[in-house]
Amino acid sequence: MTDSARTPLSIDMVSDVICPWCYVGFRALDWAVMALSFSNTVTVRYRPYRLDPETPEGGRDRLATLARKFPDENQRQAIRTALNEAMADVGLSFDPERPTRIPDTTQAHRLIRWAHGTDQQREVMTALFEAYWQHGEDISERDVLVAAAAEAGLDADEMSARLATSEDEASVREEAAAFRGAGFSGVPSFIVNEQAAFAGALPKAQLLEAIKSLETETAKANPD
């Protein structure tokens, strides 16, 4: 099927790199996009969300923060079991206790935003998720971000220079706050054709069906 015969489809994924469910959702979306590419010309954008807008610049101790948020050990174990099952569905394997800090992700979101201009957002997202969840690195640190940029194929010197400025810091925070203000209370969330959205790290087959369903709804709402 030629590109002209495929139906245009846009998907925005709203997420935060420090969210393990977003890592799962990111991989599930990869699978869904591959399946959709047989009938659609798919455009994916990755949009910023800050799980904790009050995170200090130096970050927080992650395990202590989670213990306060989920004081019940049985609840924490149930979450861990559900996460393990979700990881298996998308072929991921990582220790959710590997990262020891919860960083402010504003700087990571700046890098993701800049990668949109060169169509390398997916590669940057991959590098950042792996840096945090597979290696436990602090993705608020400039050297970690520059290394992720280089791994994704961006110009490391350019990204280092831009990260040394305040470029887009306010814009990233404003966009993330706008999603929260619009009612996005959890991530990952997915927006289809800029009109309809749903939240949750669904199993990959369910994610595909949810996207298809909203594609149909948006097409009916906007007939040619």
N, C-alpha and C. Protein backbone atom coordinates (compact mmCIF):
# COMPACT_ATOMS: atom_id res chain seq x y z
N MET A 1 0.85 -1.19 0.00
CA MET A 1 0.00 0.00 0.00
C MET A 1 0.89 1.24 0.00
N THR A 2 0.62 2.18 -0.90
CA THR A 2 1.40 3.40 -0.96
C THR A 2 0.99 4.34 0.16
N ASP A 3 1.89 5.32 0.46
CA ASP A 3 1.59 6.28 1.51
C ASP A 3 0.30 7.03 1.22
N SER A 4 0.06 7.34 -0.07
CA SER A 4 -1.14 8.10 -0.43
C SER A 4 -2.42 7.32 -0.16
N ALA A 5 -2.31 5.99 -0.09
CA ALA A 5 -3.48 5.15 0.16
C ALA A 5 -3.72 4.93 1.65
N ARG A 6 -2.77 5.31 2.47
CA ARG A 6 -2.92 5.14 3.91
C ARG A 6 -3.61 6.35 4.52
N THR A 7 -4.33 6.12 5.60
CA THR A 7 -5.04 7.18 6.29
C THR A 7 -4.12 7.87 7.29
N PRO A 8 -4.01 9.19 7.25
CA PRO A 8 -3.18 9.89 8.24
C PRO A 8 -3.73 9.68 9.65
N LEU A 9 -2.84 9.47 10.59
CA LEU A 9 -3.22 9.25 11.99
C LEU A 9 -2.16 9.88 12.87
N SER A 10 -2.57 10.75 13.78
CA SER A 10 -1.62 11.33 14.72
C SER A 10 -1.88 10.80 16.12
N ILE A 11 -0.81 10.51 16.82
CA ILE A 11 -0.88 10.02 18.20
C ILE A 11 0.08 10.85 19.04
N ASP A 12 -0.43 11.47 20.09
CA ASP A 12 0.41 12.17 21.05
C ASP A 12 0.47 11.33 22.32
N MET A 13 1.66 11.02 22.77
CA MET A 13 1.84 10.31 24.03
C MET A 13 2.30 11.31 25.08
N VAL A 14 1.50 11.47 26.12
CA VAL A 14 1.84 12.36 27.22
C VAL A 14 2.45 11.50 28.32
N SER A 15 3.68 11.82 28.72
CA SER A 15 4.37 10.91 29.63
C SER A 15 5.48 11.60 30.39
N ASP A 16 6.00 10.89 31.38
CA ASP A 16 7.17 11.35 32.12
C ASP A 16 8.14 10.18 32.19
N VAL A 17 9.41 10.46 31.95
CA VAL A 17 10.41 9.39 31.85
C VAL A 17 10.56 8.63 33.16
N ILE A 18 10.29 9.27 34.29
CA ILE A 18 10.48 8.61 35.58
C ILE A 18 9.29 7.75 35.97
N CYS A 19 8.31 7.63 35.09
CA CYS A 19 7.14 6.77 35.33
C CYS A 19 7.38 5.40 34.70
N PRO A 20 7.43 4.32 35.49
CA PRO A 20 7.68 3.01 34.89
C PRO A 20 6.57 2.57 33.94
N TRP A 21 5.34 2.97 34.24
CA TRP A 21 4.23 2.63 33.36
C TRP A 21 4.34 3.34 32.02
N CYS A 22 4.99 4.51 32.01
CA CYS A 22 5.22 5.21 30.75
C CYS A 22 6.24 4.46 29.89
N TYR A 23 7.23 3.85 30.52
CA TYR A 23 8.19 3.02 29.79
C TYR A 23 7.46 1.87 29.12
N VAL A 24 6.58 1.22 29.88
CA VAL A 24 5.77 0.13 29.33
C VAL A 24 4.88 0.65 28.20
N GLY A 25 4.22 1.78 28.43
CA GLY A 25 3.34 2.35 27.42
C GLY A 25 4.08 2.75 26.16
N PHE A 26 5.30 3.23 26.33
CA PHE A 26 6.14 3.60 25.19
C PHE A 26 6.42 2.39 24.31
N ARG A 27 6.76 1.28 24.94
CA ARG A 27 7.04 0.07 24.17
C ARG A 27 5.78 -0.49 23.53
N ALA A 28 4.65 -0.41 24.25
CA ALA A 28 3.38 -0.88 23.68
C ALA A 28 2.99 -0.03 22.48
N LEU A 29 3.25 1.27 22.57
CA LEU A 29 2.92 2.16 21.45
C LEU A 29 3.78 1.81 20.24
N ASP A 30 5.03 1.48 20.45
CA ASP A 30 5.89 1.05 19.34
C ASP A 30 5.24 -0.10 18.58
N TRP A 31 4.76 -1.07 19.34
CA TRP A 31 4.13 -2.25 18.73
C TRP A 31 2.86 -1.85 17.99
N ALA A 32 2.05 -0.99 18.61
CA ALA A 32 0.80 -0.56 17.98
C ALA A 32 1.06 0.21 16.70
N VAL A 33 2.07 1.08 16.72
CA VAL A 33 2.38 1.86 15.52
C VAL A 33 2.82 0.95 14.39
N MET A 34 3.58 -0.08 14.71
CA MET A 34 4.01 -1.02 13.68
C MET A 34 2.79 -1.69 13.04
N ALA A 35 1.82 -2.08 13.87
CA ALA A 35 0.61 -2.72 13.35
C ALA A 35 -0.21 -1.72 12.54
N LEU A 36 -0.29 -0.50 13.01
CA LEU A 36 -1.09 0.52 12.33
C LEU A 36 -0.48 0.96 11.01
N SER A 37 0.82 0.81 10.87
CA SER A 37 1.51 1.31 9.68
C SER A 37 1.09 0.61 8.39
N PHE A 38 0.42 -0.53 8.51
CA PHE A 38 -0.07 -1.21 7.31
C PHE A 38 -1.26 -0.48 6.68
N SER A 39 -1.99 0.29 7.51
CA SER A 39 -3.17 0.98 6.98
C SER A 39 -3.14 2.48 7.19
N ASN A 40 -2.18 2.96 7.98
CA ASN A 40 -2.13 4.39 8.31
C ASN A 40 -0.73 4.95 8.11
N THR A 41 -0.70 6.24 7.82
CA THR A 41 0.55 7.00 7.92
C THR A 41 0.54 7.64 9.30
N VAL A 42 1.34 7.09 10.22
CA VAL A 42 1.25 7.45 11.63
C VAL A 42 2.31 8.49 12.00
N THR A 43 1.86 9.54 12.67
CA THR A 43 2.76 10.54 13.23
C THR A 43 2.64 10.48 14.74
N VAL A 44 3.78 10.30 15.41
CA VAL A 44 3.79 10.20 16.87
C VAL A 44 4.57 11.37 17.45
N ARG A 45 4.01 12.00 18.46
CA ARG A 45 4.71 13.05 19.19
C ARG A 45 4.70 12.70 20.67
N TYR A 46 5.77 13.04 21.35
CA TYR A 46 5.91 12.75 22.78
C TYR A 46 5.84 14.08 23.53
N ARG A 47 4.86 14.19 24.42
CA ARG A 47 4.55 15.45 25.09
C ARG A 47 4.90 15.37 26.58
N PRO A 48 5.25 16.51 27.19
CA PRO A 48 5.75 16.48 28.57
C PRO A 48 4.67 16.42 29.64
N TYR A 49 4.97 15.69 30.68
CA TYR A 49 4.16 15.66 31.90
C TYR A 49 5.14 15.54 33.06
N ARG A 50 4.88 16.26 34.13
CA ARG A 50 5.74 16.17 35.32
C ARG A 50 4.93 15.52 36.43
N LEU A 51 5.33 14.31 36.80
CA LEU A 51 4.59 13.57 37.82
C LEU A 51 4.49 14.36 39.12
N ASP A 52 5.57 15.04 39.48
CA ASP A 52 5.57 15.85 40.69
C ASP A 52 6.17 17.21 40.36
N PRO A 53 5.31 18.18 40.05
CA PRO A 53 5.81 19.51 39.67
C PRO A 53 6.60 20.19 40.78
N GLU A 54 6.47 19.67 42.02
CA GLU A 54 7.17 20.28 43.15
C GLU A 54 8.51 19.61 43.43
N THR A 55 8.95 18.71 42.58
CA THR A 55 10.24 18.06 42.79
C THR A 55 11.35 19.10 42.84
N PRO A 56 12.16 19.11 43.89
CA PRO A 56 13.24 20.11 43.97
C PRO A 56 14.31 19.85 42.92
N GLU A 57 15.13 20.84 42.67
CA GLU A 57 16.15 20.72 41.64
C GLU A 57 17.07 19.54 41.88
N GLY A 58 17.36 19.25 43.13
CA GLY A 58 18.25 18.13 43.45
C GLY A 58 17.56 16.78 43.48
N GLY A 59 16.25 16.77 43.28
CA GLY A 59 15.51 15.51 43.28
C GLY A 59 15.13 15.05 44.66
N ARG A 60 14.54 13.85 44.71
CA ARG A 60 14.14 13.25 45.98
C ARG A 60 14.66 11.82 46.06
N ASP A 61 14.78 11.31 47.28
CA ASP A 61 15.09 9.90 47.47
C ASP A 61 13.89 9.09 47.00
N ARG A 62 14.09 8.21 46.05
CA ARG A 62 12.97 7.54 45.40
C ARG A 62 12.29 6.52 46.31
N LEU A 63 13.06 5.65 46.92
CA LEU A 63 12.46 4.59 47.72
C LEU A 63 11.73 5.16 48.94
N ALA A 64 12.29 6.19 49.55
CA ALA A 64 11.63 6.81 50.69
C ALA A 64 10.33 7.49 50.26
N THR A 65 10.36 8.12 49.09
CA THR A 65 9.16 8.78 48.57
C THR A 65 8.05 7.77 48.28
N LEU A 66 8.43 6.63 47.66
CA LEU A 66 7.44 5.61 47.35
C LEU A 66 6.89 4.97 48.62
N ALA A 67 7.75 4.82 49.64
CA ALA A 67 7.29 4.23 50.90
C ALA A 67 6.25 5.13 51.57
N ARG A 68 6.44 6.44 51.45
CA ARG A 68 5.45 7.38 52.01
C ARG A 68 4.17 7.36 51.19
N LYS A 69 4.29 7.27 49.88
CA LYS A 69 3.12 7.30 49.01
C LYS A 69 2.31 6.01 49.10
N PHE A 70 3.04 4.88 49.22
CA PHE A 70 2.38 3.56 49.32
C PHE A 70 2.89 2.86 50.58
N PRO A 71 2.37 3.24 51.75
CA PRO A 71 2.89 2.69 53.00
C PRO A 71 2.57 1.21 53.22
N ASP A 72 1.56 0.71 52.53
CA ASP A 72 1.16 -0.68 52.72
C ASP A 72 2.03 -1.60 51.87
N GLU A 73 2.73 -2.52 52.50
CA GLU A 73 3.64 -3.42 51.78
C GLU A 73 2.89 -4.30 50.79
N ASN A 74 1.70 -4.75 51.15
CA ASN A 74 0.92 -5.58 50.23
C ASN A 74 0.54 -4.80 48.97
N GLN A 75 0.21 -3.53 49.15
CA GLN A 75 -0.11 -2.70 48.00
C GLN A 75 1.11 -2.54 47.09
N ARG A 76 2.27 -2.31 47.70
CA ARG A 76 3.49 -2.16 46.90
C ARG A 76 3.79 -3.44 46.13
N GLN A 77 3.57 -4.59 46.76
CA GLN A 77 3.83 -5.86 46.10
C GLN A 77 2.84 -6.09 44.96
N ALA A 78 1.60 -5.70 45.16
CA ALA A 78 0.59 -5.85 44.10
C ALA A 78 0.96 -4.98 42.89
N ILE A 79 1.44 -3.77 43.16
CA ILE A 79 1.86 -2.89 42.07
C ILE A 79 3.05 -3.50 41.34
N ARG A 80 3.99 -4.05 42.10
CA ARG A 80 5.18 -4.67 41.50
C ARG A 80 4.78 -5.86 40.61
N THR A 81 3.83 -6.67 41.09
CA THR A 81 3.37 -7.83 40.31
C THR A 81 2.70 -7.37 39.02
N ALA A 82 1.84 -6.36 39.12
CA ALA A 82 1.16 -5.84 37.93
C ALA A 82 2.16 -5.26 36.94
N LEU A 83 3.18 -4.58 37.45
CA LEU A 83 4.19 -3.99 36.58
C LEU A 83 4.99 -5.09 35.88
N ASN A 84 5.33 -6.13 36.61
CA ASN A 84 6.07 -7.24 35.99
C ASN A 84 5.27 -7.88 34.86
N GLU A 85 3.98 -8.05 35.08
CA GLU A 85 3.12 -8.62 34.03
C GLU A 85 3.06 -7.69 32.82
N ALA A 86 2.96 -6.39 33.07
CA ALA A 86 2.91 -5.43 31.98
C ALA A 86 4.23 -5.41 31.21
N MET A 87 5.33 -5.51 31.92
CA MET A 87 6.64 -5.54 31.26
C MET A 87 6.75 -6.76 30.35
N ALA A 88 6.30 -7.89 30.84
CA ALA A 88 6.38 -9.12 30.04
C ALA A 88 5.59 -9.01 28.75
N ASP A 89 4.46 -8.31 28.81
CA ASP A 89 3.61 -8.16 27.63
C ASP A 89 4.31 -7.42 26.50
N VAL A 90 5.21 -6.49 26.86
CA VAL A 90 5.88 -5.68 25.83
C VAL A 90 7.35 -6.05 25.67
N GLY A 91 7.77 -7.14 26.32
CA GLY A 91 9.15 -7.59 26.16
C GLY A 91 10.18 -6.77 26.89
N LEU A 92 9.78 -6.14 28.00
CA LEU A 92 10.71 -5.35 28.79
C LEU A 92 11.14 -6.11 30.04
N SER A 93 12.33 -5.79 30.52
CA SER A 93 12.80 -6.34 31.78
C SER A 93 13.67 -5.29 32.46
N PHE A 94 13.21 -4.80 33.60
CA PHE A 94 14.03 -3.87 34.39
C PHE A 94 13.62 -3.96 35.85
N ASP A 95 14.53 -3.58 36.72
CA ASP A 95 14.27 -3.59 38.15
C ASP A 95 13.72 -2.23 38.54
N PRO A 96 12.44 -2.14 38.91
CA PRO A 96 11.86 -0.83 39.22
C PRO A 96 12.48 -0.17 40.45
N GLU A 97 13.30 -0.91 41.19
CA GLU A 97 13.97 -0.32 42.34
C GLU A 97 15.39 0.14 42.01
N ARG A 98 15.78 0.00 40.74
CA ARG A 98 17.14 0.39 40.34
C ARG A 98 17.41 1.89 40.53
N PRO A 99 16.53 2.76 40.05
CA PRO A 99 16.78 4.20 40.26
C PRO A 99 16.64 4.54 41.75
N THR A 100 17.56 5.30 42.27
CA THR A 100 17.53 5.66 43.68
C THR A 100 17.03 7.08 43.90
N ARG A 101 16.95 7.89 42.83
CA ARG A 101 16.51 9.26 42.94
C ARG A 101 15.31 9.53 42.02
N ILE A 102 14.45 10.44 42.44
CA ILE A 102 13.40 10.97 41.57
C ILE A 102 13.85 12.37 41.17
N PRO A 103 14.31 12.54 39.93
CA PRO A 103 14.80 13.85 39.52
C PRO A 103 13.67 14.73 38.99
N ASP A 104 13.94 16.02 38.91
CA ASP A 104 13.07 16.92 38.16
C ASP A 104 13.35 16.64 36.69
N THR A 105 12.30 16.34 35.93
CA THR A 105 12.50 15.92 34.54
C THR A 105 12.37 17.06 33.53
N THR A 106 12.38 18.29 34.00
CA THR A 106 12.26 19.42 33.06
C THR A 106 13.35 19.38 32.00
N GLN A 107 14.58 19.10 32.41
CA GLN A 107 15.69 19.10 31.46
C GLN A 107 15.55 17.97 30.43
N ALA A 108 15.09 16.82 30.88
CA ALA A 108 14.87 15.71 29.95
C ALA A 108 13.77 16.06 28.94
N HIS A 109 12.73 16.73 29.40
CA HIS A 109 11.65 17.11 28.49
C HIS A 109 12.11 18.17 27.49
N ARG A 110 13.05 19.02 27.88
CA ARG A 110 13.62 19.97 26.91
C ARG A 110 14.29 19.20 25.76
N LEU A 111 15.08 18.21 26.12
CA LEU A 111 15.78 17.42 25.11
C LEU A 111 14.79 16.71 24.19
N ILE A 112 13.75 16.14 24.76
CA ILE A 112 12.72 15.46 23.96
C ILE A 112 12.05 16.45 23.01
N ARG A 113 11.77 17.64 23.50
CA ARG A 113 11.14 18.67 22.65
C ARG A 113 12.04 19.01 21.46
N TRP A 114 13.32 19.19 21.71
CA TRP A 114 14.23 19.57 20.62
C TRP A 114 14.37 18.45 19.59
N ALA A 115 14.25 17.21 20.05
CA ALA A 115 14.38 16.07 19.13
C ALA A 115 13.22 16.00 18.15
N HIS A 116 12.11 16.64 18.49
CA HIS A 116 10.97 16.65 17.57
C HIS A 116 11.33 17.31 16.24
N GLY A 117 12.17 18.32 16.31
CA GLY A 117 12.54 19.04 15.10
C GLY A 117 13.35 18.23 14.12
N THR A 118 13.96 17.15 14.59
CA THR A 118 14.77 16.31 13.70
C THR A 118 14.19 14.89 13.59
N ASP A 119 12.95 14.74 14.04
CA ASP A 119 12.28 13.43 13.97
C ASP A 119 13.04 12.35 14.73
N GLN A 120 13.64 12.71 15.85
CA GLN A 120 14.40 11.75 16.64
C GLN A 120 13.86 11.63 18.07
N GLN A 121 12.60 12.00 18.25
CA GLN A 121 12.02 11.89 19.59
C GLN A 121 12.01 10.45 20.10
N ARG A 122 11.62 9.53 19.25
CA ARG A 122 11.55 8.13 19.70
C ARG A 122 12.92 7.65 20.18
N GLU A 123 13.97 8.00 19.43
CA GLU A 123 15.31 7.57 19.81
C GLU A 123 15.76 8.21 21.13
N VAL A 124 15.40 9.48 21.32
CA VAL A 124 15.75 10.15 22.57
C VAL A 124 14.97 9.54 23.73
N MET A 125 13.70 9.28 23.53
CA MET A 125 12.89 8.65 24.57
C MET A 125 13.49 7.30 24.96
N THR A 126 13.87 6.51 23.97
CA THR A 126 14.48 5.21 24.24
C THR A 126 15.72 5.37 25.10
N ALA A 127 16.60 6.29 24.71
CA ALA A 127 17.85 6.49 25.44
C ALA A 127 17.60 6.95 26.87
N LEU A 128 16.62 7.83 27.07
CA LEU A 128 16.33 8.34 28.41
C LEU A 128 15.69 7.27 29.29
N PHE A 129 14.73 6.53 28.75
CA PHE A 129 14.12 5.44 29.53
C PHE A 129 15.19 4.43 29.94
N GLU A 130 16.06 4.08 29.02
CA GLU A 130 17.10 3.10 29.34
C GLU A 130 18.08 3.65 30.38
N ALA A 131 18.45 4.92 30.23
CA ALA A 131 19.39 5.52 31.19
C ALA A 131 18.82 5.47 32.60
N TYR A 132 17.53 5.79 32.74
CA TYR A 132 16.94 5.85 34.07
C TYR A 132 16.58 4.47 34.61
N TRP A 133 15.85 3.69 33.82
CA TRP A 133 15.31 2.43 34.34
C TRP A 133 16.27 1.26 34.24
N GLN A 134 17.11 1.24 33.22
CA GLN A 134 18.05 0.12 33.09
C GLN A 134 19.36 0.37 33.84
N HIS A 135 19.75 1.66 33.93
CA HIS A 135 21.06 1.97 34.52
C HIS A 135 20.98 2.83 35.77
N GLY A 136 19.80 3.31 36.11
CA GLY A 136 19.65 4.09 37.34
C GLY A 136 20.33 5.44 37.31
N GLU A 137 20.51 6.02 36.11
CA GLU A 137 21.22 7.28 36.00
C GLU A 137 20.29 8.47 36.30
N ASP A 138 20.90 9.57 36.73
CA ASP A 138 20.15 10.78 37.06
C ASP A 138 19.94 11.58 35.78
N ILE A 139 18.74 11.52 35.24
CA ILE A 139 18.46 12.16 33.95
C ILE A 139 18.19 13.65 34.08
N SER A 140 18.50 14.22 35.22
CA SER A 140 18.49 15.68 35.33
C SER A 140 19.89 16.24 35.12
N GLU A 141 20.90 15.38 35.12
CA GLU A 141 22.28 15.82 34.97
C GLU A 141 22.63 16.01 33.50
N ARG A 142 23.34 17.10 33.22
CA ARG A 142 23.60 17.45 31.83
C ARG A 142 24.42 16.40 31.11
N ASP A 143 25.41 15.82 31.76
CA ASP A 143 26.25 14.83 31.07
C ASP A 143 25.45 13.59 30.70
N VAL A 144 24.49 13.22 31.54
CA VAL A 144 23.63 12.07 31.23
C VAL A 144 22.73 12.40 30.04
N LEU A 145 22.20 13.59 30.02
CA LEU A 145 21.33 14.01 28.92
C LEU A 145 22.10 14.12 27.61
N VAL A 146 23.31 14.64 27.68
CA VAL A 146 24.12 14.76 26.47
C VAL A 146 24.48 13.38 25.92
N ALA A 147 24.77 12.46 26.83
CA ALA A 147 25.08 11.09 26.39
C ALA A 147 23.87 10.46 25.73
N ALA A 148 22.68 10.70 26.29
CA ALA A 148 21.45 10.17 25.68
C ALA A 148 21.21 10.80 24.32
N ALA A 149 21.49 12.10 24.21
CA ALA A 149 21.33 12.79 22.92
C ALA A 149 22.25 12.19 21.87
N ALA A 150 23.49 11.96 22.26
CA ALA A 150 24.46 11.38 21.32
C ALA A 150 24.05 9.98 20.91
N GLU A 151 23.57 9.20 21.87
CA GLU A 151 23.12 7.84 21.55
C GLU A 151 21.96 7.86 20.57
N ALA A 152 21.14 8.89 20.66
CA ALA A 152 19.98 9.01 19.78
C ALA A 152 20.33 9.60 18.42
N GLY A 153 21.57 10.04 18.27
CA GLY A 153 22.00 10.58 16.99
C GLY A 153 21.94 12.09 16.87
N LEU A 154 21.67 12.77 17.99
CA LEU A 154 21.69 14.23 17.99
C LEU A 154 23.12 14.73 18.16
N ASP A 155 23.33 16.00 17.83
CA ASP A 155 24.64 16.61 17.98
C ASP A 155 24.90 16.89 19.45
N ALA A 156 25.83 16.17 20.05
CA ALA A 156 26.08 16.28 21.48
C ALA A 156 26.54 17.67 21.89
N ASP A 157 27.41 18.27 21.10
CA ASP A 157 27.91 19.61 21.44
C ASP A 157 26.79 20.64 21.40
N GLU A 158 25.93 20.53 20.39
CA GLU A 158 24.82 21.46 20.29
C GLU A 158 23.86 21.30 21.46
N MET A 159 23.54 20.05 21.80
CA MET A 159 22.62 19.81 22.91
C MET A 159 23.22 20.27 24.23
N SER A 160 24.50 20.07 24.42
CA SER A 160 25.16 20.52 25.65
C SER A 160 25.08 22.03 25.78
N ALA A 161 25.32 22.72 24.67
CA ALA A 161 25.27 24.18 24.69
C ALA A 161 23.86 24.68 24.97
N ARG A 162 22.87 24.04 24.39
CA ARG A 162 21.49 24.47 24.60
C ARG A 162 21.03 24.17 26.02
N LEU A 163 21.45 23.03 26.55
CA LEU A 163 21.07 22.68 27.92
C LEU A 163 21.70 23.63 28.94
N ALA A 164 22.79 24.28 28.56
CA ALA A 164 23.45 25.23 29.46
C ALA A 164 22.68 26.54 29.57
N THR A 165 21.69 26.71 28.70
CA THR A 165 20.85 27.91 28.73
C THR A 165 19.51 27.58 29.39
N SER A 166 18.63 28.55 29.43
CA SER A 166 17.28 28.32 29.97
C SER A 166 16.26 28.13 28.85
N GLU A 167 16.74 27.88 27.63
CA GLU A 167 15.86 27.73 26.48
C GLU A 167 14.77 26.68 26.72
N ASP A 168 13.54 27.10 26.56
CA ASP A 168 12.36 26.23 26.62
C ASP A 168 12.05 25.68 28.01
N GLU A 169 12.77 26.09 29.04
CA GLU A 169 12.43 25.60 30.38
C GLU A 169 11.01 26.00 30.77
N ALA A 170 10.71 27.28 30.60
CA ALA A 170 9.38 27.77 30.96
C ALA A 170 8.31 27.12 30.08
N SER A 171 8.60 26.96 28.80
CA SER A 171 7.62 26.39 27.88
C SER A 171 7.30 24.95 28.24
N VAL A 172 8.32 24.18 28.61
CA VAL A 172 8.10 22.78 28.99
C VAL A 172 7.24 22.70 30.25
N ARG A 173 7.55 23.52 31.24
CA ARG A 173 6.76 23.50 32.47
C ARG A 173 5.32 23.93 32.20
N GLU A 174 5.16 24.92 31.35
CA GLU A 174 3.81 25.40 31.02
C GLU A 174 3.01 24.33 30.27
N GLU A 175 3.65 23.64 29.33
CA GLU A 175 2.93 22.61 28.59
C GLU A 175 2.54 21.45 29.50
N ALA A 176 3.47 21.04 30.37
CA ALA A 176 3.16 19.96 31.31
C ALA A 176 2.03 20.37 32.24
N ALA A 177 2.06 21.62 32.72
CA ALA A 177 1.01 22.10 33.61
C ALA A 177 -0.33 22.20 32.87
N ALA A 178 -0.28 22.51 31.58
CA ALA A 178 -1.51 22.61 30.80
C ALA A 178 -2.21 21.26 30.69
N PHE A 179 -1.44 20.20 30.52
CA PHE A 179 -2.05 18.87 30.47
C PHE A 179 -2.68 18.52 31.81
N ARG A 180 -1.99 18.83 32.91
CA ARG A 180 -2.57 18.58 34.22
C ARG A 180 -3.84 19.40 34.41
N GLY A 181 -3.80 20.66 33.98
CA GLY A 181 -4.96 21.53 34.11
C GLY A 181 -6.13 21.09 33.25
N ALA A 182 -5.81 20.38 32.16
CA ALA A 182 -6.87 19.89 31.26
C ALA A 182 -7.48 18.59 31.75
N GLY A 183 -7.00 18.09 32.90
CA GLY A 183 -7.59 16.89 33.46
C GLY A 183 -6.78 15.63 33.29
N PHE A 184 -5.57 15.75 32.77
CA PHE A 184 -4.70 14.58 32.64
C PHE A 184 -4.10 14.30 34.02
N SER A 185 -4.68 13.36 34.73
CA SER A 185 -4.24 13.09 36.10
C SER A 185 -3.31 11.89 36.19
N GLY A 186 -3.10 11.20 35.09
CA GLY A 186 -2.21 10.05 35.10
C GLY A 186 -1.58 9.85 33.75
N VAL A 187 -0.43 9.24 33.75
CA VAL A 187 0.28 8.94 32.51
C VAL A 187 0.77 7.49 32.54
N PRO A 188 0.94 6.90 31.34
CA PRO A 188 0.85 7.53 30.03
C PRO A 188 -0.59 7.82 29.63
N SER A 189 -0.75 8.88 28.85
CA SER A 189 -2.03 9.18 28.21
C SER A 189 -1.78 9.33 26.72
N PHE A 190 -2.79 9.02 25.94
CA PHE A 190 -2.64 9.02 24.49
C PHE A 190 -3.75 9.86 23.87
N ILE A 191 -3.38 10.76 22.97
CA ILE A 191 -4.33 11.62 22.28
C ILE A 191 -4.35 11.22 20.81
N VAL A 192 -5.51 10.92 20.30
CA VAL A 192 -5.65 10.45 18.91
C VAL A 192 -6.22 11.57 18.05
N ASN A 193 -5.50 11.88 16.99
CA ASN A 193 -5.92 12.92 16.04
C ASN A 193 -6.24 14.25 16.72
N GLU A 194 -5.54 14.52 17.82
CA GLU A 194 -5.64 15.79 18.55
C GLU A 194 -7.05 16.06 19.08
N GLN A 195 -7.87 15.01 19.19
CA GLN A 195 -9.27 15.22 19.56
C GLN A 195 -9.77 14.36 20.71
N ALA A 196 -9.28 13.13 20.82
CA ALA A 196 -9.81 12.22 21.82
C ALA A 196 -8.65 11.55 22.55
N ALA A 197 -8.83 11.31 23.84
CA ALA A 197 -7.72 10.80 24.64
C ALA A 197 -8.16 9.70 25.59
N PHE A 198 -7.20 8.91 26.00
CA PHE A 198 -7.42 7.91 27.05
C PHE A 198 -6.11 7.73 27.80
N ALA A 199 -6.20 7.21 29.01
CA ALA A 199 -5.03 7.05 29.86
C ALA A 199 -4.82 5.59 30.21
N GLY A 200 -3.57 5.25 30.50
CA GLY A 200 -3.26 3.92 31.00
C GLY A 200 -2.28 3.16 30.14
N ALA A 201 -1.41 2.40 30.82
CA ALA A 201 -0.47 1.53 30.11
C ALA A 201 -1.18 0.22 29.79
N LEU A 202 -1.99 0.25 28.77
CA LEU A 202 -2.78 -0.92 28.39
C LEU A 202 -1.88 -2.00 27.79
N PRO A 203 -2.28 -3.27 27.90
CA PRO A 203 -1.59 -4.31 27.13
C PRO A 203 -1.56 -3.91 25.66
N LYS A 204 -0.51 -4.30 24.96
CA LYS A 204 -0.30 -3.76 23.62
C LYS A 204 -1.48 -4.01 22.67
N ALA A 205 -2.11 -5.17 22.75
CA ALA A 205 -3.25 -5.44 21.87
C ALA A 205 -4.42 -4.53 22.21
N GLN A 206 -4.65 -4.28 23.50
CA GLN A 206 -5.73 -3.39 23.91
C GLN A 206 -5.43 -1.94 23.52
N LEU A 207 -4.15 -1.57 23.60
CA LEU A 207 -3.77 -0.22 23.19
C LEU A 207 -4.06 -0.01 21.71
N LEU A 208 -3.72 -1.00 20.92
CA LEU A 208 -3.99 -0.93 19.48
C LEU A 208 -5.48 -0.75 19.23
N GLU A 209 -6.31 -1.53 19.89
CA GLU A 209 -7.75 -1.44 19.68
C GLU A 209 -8.31 -0.10 20.16
N ALA A 210 -7.76 0.42 21.26
CA ALA A 210 -8.22 1.72 21.76
C ALA A 210 -7.91 2.83 20.77
N ILE A 211 -6.72 2.77 20.18
CA ILE A 211 -6.35 3.78 19.19
C ILE A 211 -7.25 3.67 17.96
N LYS A 212 -7.48 2.44 17.50
CA LYS A 212 -8.35 2.24 16.34
C LYS A 212 -9.76 2.76 16.61
N SER A 213 -10.25 2.51 17.82
CA SER A 213 -11.60 2.95 18.17
C SER A 213 -11.71 4.47 18.13
N LEU A 214 -10.70 5.15 18.70
CA LEU A 214 -10.74 6.61 18.70
C LEU A 214 -10.47 7.17 17.31
N GLU A 215 -9.71 6.46 16.50
CA GLU A 215 -9.54 6.89 15.12
C GLU A 215 -10.89 6.91 14.41
N THR A 216 -11.68 5.86 14.61
CA THR A 216 -13.01 5.78 13.99
C THR A 216 -13.92 6.89 14.51
N GLU A 217 -13.88 7.14 15.82
CA GLU A 217 -14.71 8.19 16.40
C GLU A 217 -14.35 9.56 15.84
N THR A 218 -13.06 9.84 15.76
CA THR A 218 -12.65 11.15 15.27
C THR A 218 -12.96 11.32 13.78
N ALA A 219 -12.90 10.22 13.05
CA ALA A 219 -13.25 10.29 11.61
C ALA A 219 -14.72 10.62 11.45
N LYS A 220 -15.59 10.03 12.28
CA LYS A 220 -17.02 10.30 12.20
C LYS A 220 -17.33 11.74 12.59
N ALA A 221 -16.54 12.26 13.55
CA ALA A 221 -16.77 13.64 14.01
C ALA A 221 -16.29 14.66 12.99
N ASN A 222 -15.39 14.22 12.10
CA ASN A 222 -14.84 15.14 11.10
C ASN A 222 -14.88 14.50 9.73
N PRO A 223 -16.07 14.28 9.18
CA PRO A 223 -16.16 13.66 7.86
C PRO A 223 -15.59 14.58 6.78
N ASP A 224 -15.05 13.98 5.75
CA ASP A 224 -14.48 14.78 4.65
C ASP A 224 -15.60 15.54 3.91
